[in-house]
N, C-alpha and C. Protein backbone atom coordinates (compact mmCIF):
# COMPACT_ATOMS: atom_id res chain seq x y z
N MET A 1 -62.74 174.35 179.24
CA MET A 1 -61.39 174.29 179.54
C MET A 1 -61.07 172.84 179.86
N GLY A 2 -61.82 172.20 180.60
CA GLY A 2 -61.59 170.64 180.97
C GLY A 2 -61.78 169.97 179.62
N PHE A 3 -62.55 170.33 178.67
CA PHE A 3 -62.77 169.63 177.35
C PHE A 3 -61.63 169.83 176.61
N LEU A 4 -61.05 170.95 176.57
CA LEU A 4 -59.74 171.34 175.80
C LEU A 4 -58.58 170.37 176.47
N ILE A 5 -58.53 170.40 177.68
CA ILE A 5 -57.27 169.54 178.11
C ILE A 5 -57.36 168.10 177.93
N PHE A 6 -58.88 167.62 178.03
CA PHE A 6 -59.19 166.27 177.86
C PHE A 6 -58.95 166.00 176.22
N PHE A 7 -58.86 166.96 175.47
CA PHE A 7 -58.89 166.57 173.94
C PHE A 7 -57.41 166.87 173.72
N VAL A 8 -56.52 167.59 174.20
CA VAL A 8 -55.28 168.02 173.83
C VAL A 8 -54.40 167.03 174.19
N ILE A 9 -54.50 166.52 175.44
CA ILE A 9 -53.60 165.62 175.90
C ILE A 9 -53.54 164.30 175.23
N PRO A 10 -54.55 163.69 174.77
CA PRO A 10 -54.62 162.35 174.08
C PRO A 10 -53.98 162.65 172.57
N VAL A 11 -54.41 163.72 172.05
CA VAL A 11 -53.78 164.19 170.74
C VAL A 11 -52.28 164.21 170.79
N CYS A 12 -51.76 164.95 171.80
CA CYS A 12 -50.35 165.02 171.92
C CYS A 12 -49.61 163.85 172.17
N ILE A 13 -50.30 162.67 172.82
CA ILE A 13 -49.74 161.48 173.13
C ILE A 13 -49.73 160.80 171.71
N ILE A 14 -50.93 160.96 170.93
CA ILE A 14 -50.79 160.18 169.71
C ILE A 14 -49.80 160.72 168.68
N ILE A 15 -49.51 161.92 168.94
CA ILE A 15 -48.62 162.53 167.87
C ILE A 15 -47.25 162.06 168.17
N ALA A 16 -47.02 162.02 169.66
CA ALA A 16 -45.64 161.44 170.09
C ALA A 16 -45.48 160.06 169.60
N ILE A 17 -46.54 159.23 169.85
CA ILE A 17 -46.32 157.81 169.40
C ILE A 17 -46.00 157.97 167.86
N ILE A 18 -46.56 158.67 167.02
CA ILE A 18 -46.41 158.63 165.53
C ILE A 18 -44.99 159.07 165.22
N PHE A 19 -44.53 160.00 166.01
CA PHE A 19 -43.10 160.31 165.78
C PHE A 19 -42.06 159.24 166.29
N ILE A 20 -42.29 158.64 167.43
CA ILE A 20 -41.49 157.63 167.89
C ILE A 20 -41.45 156.60 166.84
N ARG A 21 -42.51 156.12 166.32
CA ARG A 21 -42.60 154.85 165.56
C ARG A 21 -41.95 155.21 164.26
N ASN A 22 -42.32 156.41 163.88
CA ASN A 22 -41.35 156.92 162.36
C ASN A 22 -40.01 156.92 162.64
N SER A 23 -39.60 157.28 163.67
CA SER A 23 -38.07 157.38 163.84
C SER A 23 -37.64 155.91 164.10
N ILE A 24 -38.13 155.00 164.70
CA ILE A 24 -37.81 153.73 164.73
C ILE A 24 -37.72 153.29 163.29
N VAL A 25 -38.65 153.44 162.47
CA VAL A 25 -38.72 152.92 161.13
C VAL A 25 -37.71 153.44 160.14
N ARG A 26 -37.34 154.73 160.44
CA ARG A 26 -36.29 155.52 159.73
C ARG A 26 -34.95 154.83 160.10
N HIS A 27 -34.83 154.60 161.18
CA HIS A 27 -33.40 153.99 161.66
C HIS A 27 -33.27 152.63 161.23
N HIS A 28 -34.39 151.67 161.12
CA HIS A 28 -34.67 150.58 160.51
C HIS A 28 -34.05 150.41 159.22
N ASN A 29 -34.76 151.39 158.53
CA ASN A 29 -34.45 151.55 157.02
C ASN A 29 -33.05 151.80 156.68
N ALA A 30 -32.41 152.72 157.55
CA ALA A 30 -31.21 153.08 157.44
C ALA A 30 -30.11 151.95 157.59
N THR A 31 -30.40 151.21 158.66
CA THR A 31 -29.67 149.78 158.89
C THR A 31 -29.77 149.11 157.63
N VAL A 32 -30.90 148.90 157.05
CA VAL A 32 -31.32 147.76 155.77
C VAL A 32 -30.35 148.48 154.76
N ARG A 33 -30.43 149.74 154.54
CA ARG A 33 -29.78 150.50 153.44
C ARG A 33 -28.31 150.20 153.65
N ALA A 34 -27.62 150.32 154.79
CA ALA A 34 -26.17 150.14 155.06
C ALA A 34 -25.75 148.71 154.74
N TRP A 35 -26.63 147.72 155.32
CA TRP A 35 -26.46 146.45 154.90
C TRP A 35 -26.32 146.31 153.35
N SER A 36 -27.11 146.80 152.51
CA SER A 36 -27.19 146.75 151.21
C SER A 36 -25.87 147.13 150.73
N ASP A 37 -25.30 148.31 151.10
CA ASP A 37 -24.10 148.86 150.86
C ASP A 37 -23.06 147.89 150.98
N VAL A 38 -22.99 147.42 152.13
CA VAL A 38 -21.94 146.25 152.41
C VAL A 38 -22.06 144.99 151.29
N ALA A 39 -23.04 144.52 151.28
CA ALA A 39 -23.16 143.52 150.27
C ALA A 39 -22.90 144.04 149.10
N SER A 40 -23.06 145.22 148.48
CA SER A 40 -23.08 145.52 147.12
C SER A 40 -21.62 145.69 146.97
N TYR A 41 -20.75 146.27 147.80
CA TYR A 41 -19.30 146.41 147.57
C TYR A 41 -18.68 144.90 147.71
N GLU A 42 -19.20 144.02 148.49
CA GLU A 42 -18.66 142.71 148.33
C GLU A 42 -19.08 141.93 147.08
N ARG A 43 -20.26 142.22 146.45
CA ARG A 43 -20.56 141.83 145.19
C ARG A 43 -19.58 142.42 143.98
N GLN A 44 -19.10 143.74 144.26
CA GLN A 44 -18.25 144.34 143.31
C GLN A 44 -16.91 143.57 143.17
N LYS A 45 -16.49 142.94 144.30
CA LYS A 45 -15.41 142.19 144.28
C LYS A 45 -15.40 140.87 143.29
N LEU A 46 -16.49 140.62 142.89
CA LEU A 46 -16.79 139.49 142.00
C LEU A 46 -16.30 139.57 140.69
N LYS A 47 -16.40 140.90 140.23
CA LYS A 47 -16.02 141.35 138.92
C LYS A 47 -14.27 141.45 138.90
N ILE A 48 -13.84 141.64 139.86
CA ILE A 48 -12.49 141.66 139.95
C ILE A 48 -11.87 140.24 140.12
N LEU A 49 -12.70 139.43 140.87
CA LEU A 49 -12.28 138.01 141.20
C LEU A 49 -12.46 137.15 139.64
N ASP A 50 -13.55 137.69 139.13
CA ASP A 50 -13.81 136.89 137.61
C ASP A 50 -12.39 137.05 136.78
N GLY A 51 -11.86 138.19 136.83
CA GLY A 51 -10.60 138.53 135.98
C GLY A 51 -9.33 138.10 136.57
N LEU A 52 -9.34 137.78 137.98
CA LEU A 52 -8.24 137.44 138.48
C LEU A 52 -8.34 135.60 138.36
N GLN A 53 -9.24 135.25 138.32
CA GLN A 53 -9.19 133.63 138.28
C GLN A 53 -8.58 133.07 137.11
N PRO A 54 -8.67 133.52 135.77
CA PRO A 54 -8.04 133.17 134.71
C PRO A 54 -6.24 133.15 134.91
N LEU A 55 -6.04 134.38 135.75
CA LEU A 55 -4.67 134.63 135.82
C LEU A 55 -3.99 133.85 136.87
N VAL A 56 -4.73 133.43 137.93
CA VAL A 56 -4.32 132.46 138.73
C VAL A 56 -4.17 131.04 138.22
N GLU A 57 -5.35 130.76 137.43
CA GLU A 57 -5.11 129.41 136.81
C GLU A 57 -3.70 129.17 136.01
N GLN A 58 -3.35 130.04 135.38
CA GLN A 58 -2.11 129.87 134.77
C GLN A 58 -0.99 129.38 135.77
N TYR A 59 -1.13 129.74 136.74
CA TYR A 59 -0.25 129.21 137.69
C TYR A 59 -0.83 128.21 138.70
N SER A 60 -1.82 127.75 138.26
CA SER A 60 -2.63 126.50 139.06
C SER A 60 -1.98 125.25 139.40
N SER A 61 -1.21 124.97 138.37
CA SER A 61 -0.46 123.57 138.54
C SER A 61 0.30 123.71 139.92
N PHE A 62 0.80 124.95 140.27
CA PHE A 62 1.67 125.11 141.41
C PHE A 62 0.80 125.87 142.57
N GLU A 63 -0.31 126.27 142.44
CA GLU A 63 -1.11 127.44 143.18
C GLU A 63 -2.55 126.82 143.21
N LYS A 64 -2.91 125.39 143.35
CA LYS A 64 -4.31 125.17 143.38
C LYS A 64 -4.97 125.68 144.37
N GLY A 65 -4.50 125.66 145.59
CA GLY A 65 -5.17 126.20 146.81
C GLY A 65 -5.51 127.79 146.63
N THR A 66 -4.61 128.57 146.08
CA THR A 66 -5.13 129.84 145.83
C THR A 66 -6.40 129.97 144.84
N LEU A 67 -6.36 129.32 143.80
CA LEU A 67 -7.48 129.05 143.01
C LEU A 67 -8.83 128.56 143.72
N GLU A 68 -8.70 127.57 144.56
CA GLU A 68 -9.85 127.20 145.31
C GLU A 68 -10.42 128.39 146.22
N LYS A 69 -9.33 129.13 147.03
CA LYS A 69 -9.65 130.18 147.78
C LYS A 69 -10.67 131.33 147.09
N VAL A 70 -10.12 131.79 145.66
CA VAL A 70 -10.84 132.54 144.79
C VAL A 70 -12.12 131.93 144.55
N THR A 71 -12.27 130.83 144.27
CA THR A 71 -13.64 130.21 143.81
C THR A 71 -14.50 130.21 144.98
N GLU A 72 -14.12 129.63 146.32
CA GLU A 72 -14.81 129.81 147.58
C GLU A 72 -15.11 131.26 148.00
N LEU A 73 -14.41 132.13 147.80
CA LEU A 73 -14.64 133.49 148.23
C LEU A 73 -15.64 134.07 147.16
N ARG A 74 -15.65 133.83 145.88
CA ARG A 74 -16.65 134.11 144.82
C ARG A 74 -18.14 133.66 145.28
N GLN A 75 -18.07 132.25 145.65
CA GLN A 75 -19.32 131.41 145.91
C GLN A 75 -19.85 132.39 147.25
N ASN A 76 -19.08 132.38 148.26
CA ASN A 76 -19.74 133.00 149.40
C ASN A 76 -20.29 134.51 149.11
N ILE A 77 -19.60 135.41 148.43
CA ILE A 77 -20.07 136.51 148.15
C ILE A 77 -21.21 136.47 147.26
N MET A 78 -21.53 135.58 146.34
CA MET A 78 -22.74 135.30 145.61
C MET A 78 -23.87 134.78 146.52
N ASN A 79 -23.74 134.02 147.64
CA ASN A 79 -24.68 133.55 148.57
C ASN A 79 -24.95 134.70 149.62
N LEU A 80 -24.60 135.79 149.58
CA LEU A 80 -24.61 136.77 150.55
C LEU A 80 -26.08 137.29 150.49
N ASN A 81 -26.91 137.19 151.39
CA ASN A 81 -28.36 137.59 151.34
C ASN A 81 -28.48 138.99 151.49
N LEU A 82 -29.16 139.64 150.36
CA LEU A 82 -29.23 141.15 150.37
C LEU A 82 -30.36 141.52 151.36
N ASN A 83 -31.41 140.62 151.66
CA ASN A 83 -32.53 140.93 152.14
C ASN A 83 -32.63 140.70 153.67
N ASN A 84 -31.62 139.85 154.12
CA ASN A 84 -31.52 139.44 155.43
C ASN A 84 -29.98 139.65 156.01
N THR A 85 -29.81 140.35 156.93
CA THR A 85 -28.64 140.88 157.77
C THR A 85 -27.93 139.52 158.29
N ASP A 86 -27.11 139.02 157.58
CA ASP A 86 -26.47 137.90 157.96
C ASP A 86 -25.06 138.24 158.29
N VAL A 87 -24.73 138.66 159.42
CA VAL A 87 -23.46 139.06 159.91
C VAL A 87 -22.44 138.00 160.10
N SER A 88 -22.88 136.70 160.20
CA SER A 88 -22.08 135.75 160.29
C SER A 88 -21.57 135.22 158.96
N GLN A 89 -22.25 135.35 157.82
CA GLN A 89 -21.78 135.26 156.43
C GLN A 89 -20.83 136.03 156.05
N LEU A 90 -21.05 137.55 156.55
CA LEU A 90 -20.00 138.60 156.13
C LEU A 90 -18.93 138.20 156.93
N GLN A 91 -18.81 137.81 158.04
CA GLN A 91 -17.64 137.47 158.75
C GLN A 91 -17.00 136.32 158.12
N LYS A 92 -17.45 135.35 157.57
CA LYS A 92 -16.81 134.15 156.86
C LYS A 92 -16.22 134.89 155.52
N ILE A 93 -17.02 135.81 154.79
CA ILE A 93 -16.51 136.43 153.62
C ILE A 93 -15.19 137.20 153.79
N GLU A 94 -15.37 137.84 154.87
CA GLU A 94 -13.92 138.65 155.19
C GLU A 94 -12.95 137.80 155.60
N SER A 95 -13.18 136.89 156.35
CA SER A 95 -11.99 135.84 156.68
C SER A 95 -11.41 135.16 155.38
N LEU A 96 -12.40 134.81 154.58
CA LEU A 96 -11.80 134.16 153.25
C LEU A 96 -11.02 135.11 152.48
N ASN A 97 -11.59 136.39 152.36
CA ASN A 97 -10.63 137.47 151.77
C ASN A 97 -9.34 137.70 152.36
N GLN A 98 -9.29 137.62 153.70
CA GLN A 98 -8.03 137.78 154.29
C GLN A 98 -6.98 136.66 153.77
N GLU A 99 -7.66 135.57 153.95
CA GLU A 99 -6.94 134.32 153.51
C GLU A 99 -6.33 134.34 152.01
N LEU A 100 -7.05 134.59 151.26
CA LEU A 100 -7.03 135.00 150.00
C LEU A 100 -5.88 135.97 149.66
N MET A 101 -5.84 137.10 150.31
CA MET A 101 -4.77 138.14 149.95
C MET A 101 -3.48 137.60 150.61
N ARG A 102 -3.62 136.65 151.73
CA ARG A 102 -2.39 136.18 152.07
C ARG A 102 -1.79 135.24 151.08
N SER A 103 -2.68 134.47 150.40
CA SER A 103 -2.21 133.44 149.39
C SER A 103 -1.60 134.29 148.30
N LEU A 104 -2.26 135.26 147.85
CA LEU A 104 -1.92 136.04 146.58
C LEU A 104 -0.73 136.56 146.77
N ASN A 105 -0.19 137.17 148.03
CA ASN A 105 0.94 137.56 148.13
C ASN A 105 2.05 136.52 148.29
N LEU A 106 1.81 135.51 148.63
CA LEU A 106 2.73 134.21 148.41
C LEU A 106 2.96 133.91 147.10
N VAL A 107 1.93 133.97 146.44
CA VAL A 107 2.09 133.59 144.88
C VAL A 107 3.10 134.62 144.07
N ILE A 108 2.97 135.90 144.71
CA ILE A 108 3.93 136.89 144.12
C ILE A 108 5.36 136.60 144.56
N GLU A 109 5.38 136.21 145.79
CA GLU A 109 6.70 135.74 146.23
C GLU A 109 7.47 134.53 145.38
N ASN A 110 6.54 133.63 145.05
CA ASN A 110 7.08 132.53 144.30
C ASN A 110 7.17 132.77 142.76
N TYR A 111 6.36 133.53 142.42
CA TYR A 111 6.52 133.94 140.96
C TYR A 111 6.82 135.42 140.75
N PRO A 112 8.08 135.88 140.56
CA PRO A 112 8.48 137.14 140.46
C PRO A 112 7.87 137.95 139.38
N GLU A 113 7.60 137.01 138.30
CA GLU A 113 7.23 137.58 136.80
C GLU A 113 5.85 137.99 137.00
N LEU A 114 5.02 137.46 137.91
CA LEU A 114 3.67 137.66 138.05
C LEU A 114 3.66 139.00 138.59
N LYS A 115 4.50 139.49 139.50
CA LYS A 115 4.65 140.80 139.99
C LYS A 115 4.68 141.83 139.10
N ALA A 116 5.50 141.41 138.02
CA ALA A 116 5.69 142.62 137.00
C ALA A 116 4.48 142.61 135.87
N ASN A 117 3.53 141.72 136.05
CA ASN A 117 2.17 141.53 135.30
C ASN A 117 1.31 142.64 135.68
N GLU A 118 1.05 143.53 134.59
CA GLU A 118 0.34 144.75 134.77
C GLU A 118 -1.06 144.35 135.13
N ILE A 119 -1.76 143.41 134.53
CA ILE A 119 -3.16 143.00 134.86
C ILE A 119 -3.08 142.55 136.27
N TYR A 120 -2.18 141.76 136.71
CA TYR A 120 -2.32 141.32 138.04
C TYR A 120 -2.23 142.39 139.19
N LEU A 121 -1.27 143.45 138.85
CA LEU A 121 -0.95 144.50 139.69
C LEU A 121 -2.44 145.45 139.78
N LYS A 122 -2.90 145.43 138.71
CA LYS A 122 -4.15 146.39 138.57
C LYS A 122 -5.17 145.69 139.20
N MET A 123 -5.45 144.37 139.12
CA MET A 123 -6.38 143.82 140.03
C MET A 123 -6.11 143.68 141.56
N MET A 124 -5.04 143.49 141.86
CA MET A 124 -4.59 143.65 143.26
C MET A 124 -5.03 145.10 143.97
N ASN A 125 -4.92 146.15 143.16
CA ASN A 125 -5.02 147.32 143.58
C ASN A 125 -6.53 147.35 143.43
N GLU A 126 -7.47 146.99 142.69
CA GLU A 126 -8.75 147.00 142.65
C GLU A 126 -9.28 146.30 143.87
N ILE A 127 -8.86 145.13 144.22
CA ILE A 127 -9.13 144.40 145.13
C ILE A 127 -9.00 145.06 146.56
N GLU A 128 -7.82 145.62 146.73
CA GLU A 128 -7.40 146.52 147.76
C GLU A 128 -8.48 147.77 147.97
N GLU A 129 -8.72 148.38 146.76
CA GLU A 129 -9.69 149.27 146.79
C GLU A 129 -11.16 148.94 147.38
N GLN A 130 -11.55 147.71 146.75
CA GLN A 130 -12.85 147.17 147.29
C GLN A 130 -12.89 146.87 148.84
N ASN A 131 -11.78 146.26 149.27
CA ASN A 131 -11.54 146.06 150.59
C ASN A 131 -11.79 147.33 151.54
N GLU A 132 -11.24 148.38 151.07
CA GLU A 132 -11.50 149.49 151.68
C GLU A 132 -12.83 149.92 151.82
N ASN A 133 -13.58 149.96 150.65
CA ASN A 133 -14.89 150.31 150.53
C ASN A 133 -15.64 149.39 151.23
N VAL A 134 -15.52 148.19 151.43
CA VAL A 134 -16.25 147.23 152.25
C VAL A 134 -16.05 147.65 153.70
N GLY A 135 -14.73 148.05 153.96
CA GLY A 135 -14.41 148.49 155.49
C GLY A 135 -15.09 149.57 155.94
N ALA A 136 -15.26 150.66 155.02
CA ALA A 136 -15.97 151.99 155.26
C ALA A 136 -17.47 151.40 155.43
N ALA A 137 -18.05 150.72 154.58
CA ALA A 137 -19.48 150.37 154.61
C ALA A 137 -19.82 149.56 155.72
N ILE A 138 -18.95 148.78 156.19
CA ILE A 138 -19.23 147.99 157.43
C ILE A 138 -19.39 149.00 158.57
N THR A 139 -18.35 150.10 158.56
CA THR A 139 -18.53 151.10 159.66
C THR A 139 -19.66 151.76 159.88
N ILE A 140 -20.34 152.35 158.53
CA ILE A 140 -21.63 152.94 158.37
C ILE A 140 -22.50 152.03 158.82
N PHE A 141 -22.73 150.69 158.36
CA PHE A 141 -23.51 149.61 158.93
C PHE A 141 -23.48 149.58 160.40
N ASN A 142 -22.18 149.47 160.98
CA ASN A 142 -22.32 149.42 162.40
C ASN A 142 -22.92 150.59 163.07
N ARG A 143 -22.49 151.75 162.61
CA ARG A 143 -23.11 152.97 163.34
C ARG A 143 -24.92 153.02 163.04
N ASN A 144 -25.37 152.57 161.95
CA ASN A 144 -26.53 152.45 161.80
C ASN A 144 -27.30 151.29 162.64
N VAL A 145 -26.51 150.33 163.02
CA VAL A 145 -27.12 149.30 163.96
C VAL A 145 -27.24 149.98 165.15
N GLU A 146 -26.05 150.70 165.58
CA GLU A 146 -26.10 151.29 167.08
C GLU A 146 -27.29 152.11 167.09
N LEU A 147 -27.37 153.12 166.21
CA LEU A 147 -28.71 153.88 166.31
C LEU A 147 -29.84 153.20 166.36
N PHE A 148 -30.30 152.23 165.19
CA PHE A 148 -31.34 151.62 165.41
C PHE A 148 -31.66 150.83 166.77
N ASN A 149 -30.56 150.01 167.35
CA ASN A 149 -30.80 149.41 168.37
C ASN A 149 -31.08 150.40 169.71
N ASN A 150 -30.36 151.51 169.64
CA ASN A 150 -30.82 152.24 170.55
C ASN A 150 -32.50 152.86 170.48
N GLN A 151 -32.72 153.11 169.36
CA GLN A 151 -34.22 153.54 169.13
C GLN A 151 -34.95 152.33 169.60
N ILE A 152 -34.78 151.31 169.52
CA ILE A 152 -35.83 150.03 170.06
C ILE A 152 -35.64 149.70 171.38
N GLN A 153 -34.56 150.38 172.04
CA GLN A 153 -34.06 149.68 173.47
C GLN A 153 -34.41 150.76 174.58
N ILE A 154 -34.42 152.10 174.10
CA ILE A 154 -34.79 153.17 175.20
C ILE A 154 -36.03 153.50 175.30
N PHE A 155 -36.32 153.91 176.53
CA PHE A 155 -37.58 154.31 177.07
C PHE A 155 -38.13 155.55 176.40
N PRO A 156 -39.18 155.83 176.00
CA PRO A 156 -40.55 155.22 175.63
C PRO A 156 -40.42 154.37 174.35
N HIS A 157 -39.28 154.50 173.42
CA HIS A 157 -39.33 153.86 172.14
C HIS A 157 -39.42 152.29 172.32
N ASN A 158 -39.14 151.72 173.31
CA ASN A 158 -39.16 150.22 173.46
C ASN A 158 -40.66 149.91 173.71
N ILE A 159 -41.45 150.79 174.30
CA ILE A 159 -42.83 150.41 174.57
C ILE A 159 -43.48 150.44 173.16
N ILE A 160 -43.16 151.48 172.37
CA ILE A 160 -43.77 151.79 171.02
C ILE A 160 -43.61 150.62 170.34
N ASN A 161 -42.16 150.19 170.16
CA ASN A 161 -41.57 149.18 169.16
C ASN A 161 -42.36 147.82 169.64
N ASN A 162 -42.57 147.72 170.89
CA ASN A 162 -43.10 146.47 171.21
C ASN A 162 -44.69 146.40 171.16
N MET A 163 -45.28 147.45 171.06
CA MET A 163 -46.74 147.37 170.75
C MET A 163 -46.97 147.56 169.35
N LEU A 164 -46.37 148.25 168.54
CA LEU A 164 -46.55 148.44 167.18
C LEU A 164 -45.78 147.84 166.10
N LEU A 165 -44.51 147.57 166.32
CA LEU A 165 -43.46 147.19 165.29
C LEU A 165 -42.94 145.81 165.66
N ARG A 166 -42.68 145.65 166.98
CA ARG A 166 -41.96 144.21 167.11
C ARG A 166 -40.55 144.14 166.33
N LYS A 167 -39.86 145.05 166.13
CA LYS A 167 -38.54 144.86 165.58
C LYS A 167 -37.51 144.50 166.56
N LYS A 168 -36.67 143.57 166.02
CA LYS A 168 -35.56 143.17 166.86
C LYS A 168 -34.15 143.78 166.68
N ALA A 169 -33.47 143.59 167.74
CA ALA A 169 -32.05 144.33 167.90
C ALA A 169 -31.31 143.49 166.46
N VAL A 170 -30.55 144.37 165.98
CA VAL A 170 -29.72 143.65 164.88
C VAL A 170 -28.08 143.60 165.44
N ARG A 171 -27.56 142.64 164.98
CA ARG A 171 -26.25 142.13 165.65
C ARG A 171 -25.16 143.02 164.65
N PRO A 172 -24.38 143.84 165.47
CA PRO A 172 -23.24 144.45 164.57
C PRO A 172 -22.17 143.59 164.08
N PHE A 173 -21.51 143.93 163.04
CA PHE A 173 -20.36 143.13 162.52
C PHE A 173 -19.19 143.39 163.56
N ARG A 174 -18.74 142.20 163.61
CA ARG A 174 -17.45 142.30 164.49
C ARG A 174 -16.32 141.33 163.87
N ASP A 175 -15.18 141.79 163.72
CA ASP A 175 -14.18 140.97 163.08
C ASP A 175 -13.32 140.24 164.00
N GLN A 176 -13.73 138.97 164.07
CA GLN A 176 -13.43 138.18 165.19
C GLN A 176 -11.69 137.88 165.25
N THR A 177 -11.27 137.87 163.89
CA THR A 177 -9.60 137.61 163.80
C THR A 177 -8.99 138.83 164.26
N ALA A 178 -9.61 140.18 164.13
CA ALA A 178 -9.08 141.26 164.67
C ALA A 178 -8.94 141.51 165.93
N MET A 179 -10.29 141.08 166.63
CA MET A 179 -10.48 141.13 168.06
C MET A 179 -9.39 140.13 168.82
N GLN A 180 -9.22 139.12 168.22
CA GLN A 180 -8.31 138.24 169.07
C GLN A 180 -6.89 138.74 169.23
N SER A 181 -6.42 139.74 168.40
CA SER A 181 -5.08 140.36 168.32
C SER A 181 -5.13 141.48 169.27
N PHE A 182 -6.16 141.93 169.98
CA PHE A 182 -6.08 142.95 171.05
C PHE A 182 -5.90 142.56 172.31
N ASP A 183 -5.07 143.19 172.87
CA ASP A 183 -5.04 142.76 174.40
C ASP A 183 -6.09 143.24 175.24
N TYR A 184 -6.68 144.53 174.91
CA TYR A 184 -7.73 145.06 175.65
C TYR A 184 -8.89 144.55 175.38
N ARG A 185 -9.58 144.10 176.48
CA ARG A 185 -11.08 143.61 176.53
C ARG A 185 -12.01 144.35 177.22
N PRO A 186 -12.83 145.13 176.60
CA PRO A 186 -13.93 146.11 177.48
C PRO A 186 -14.76 144.91 178.18
N ASN A 187 -15.15 145.42 179.43
CA ASN A 187 -16.08 144.57 180.06
C ASN A 187 -17.62 144.99 179.79
N PHE A 188 -18.07 144.76 178.59
CA PHE A 188 -19.49 144.97 178.42
C PHE A 188 -20.29 144.08 179.00
């Protein structure tokens, strides 16, 4: 009987450690996958921007700034690291995207004939759809970040993580521009 207890308790502890370790790895992998989805949707914008650029170039003598914003956004999306969660780079891309959308709306106001251009309207709709996809992917990413961070910070998971995996908490995406417009500030 004593031998059975002496043998069963260590086996149960080892099984618990394996389950906790695997849970941390699963949540980490889900976070990595969610980040890849965000980057993938950002990269899909490149196809649209590639088509938008020549159209804006037609008006470039008047709208050089808008063309520069398209080029800068494209470059930043291409530089987005798929293998490393770089939330600050994503924040910059989203900020540039918002600036571009404002500029494109000003271009429409200045050139009503552009508003009637079917290609332009189609591209604007595609950009808006991609922006919605990015927003949804960011929401999923942040949820996975929360689950992963919980896994490595709660007891006894934090002990297993520190002993076996040494995974670090992932920073969630926060839209600084949107946060500035809120009156409410939680006291985290």
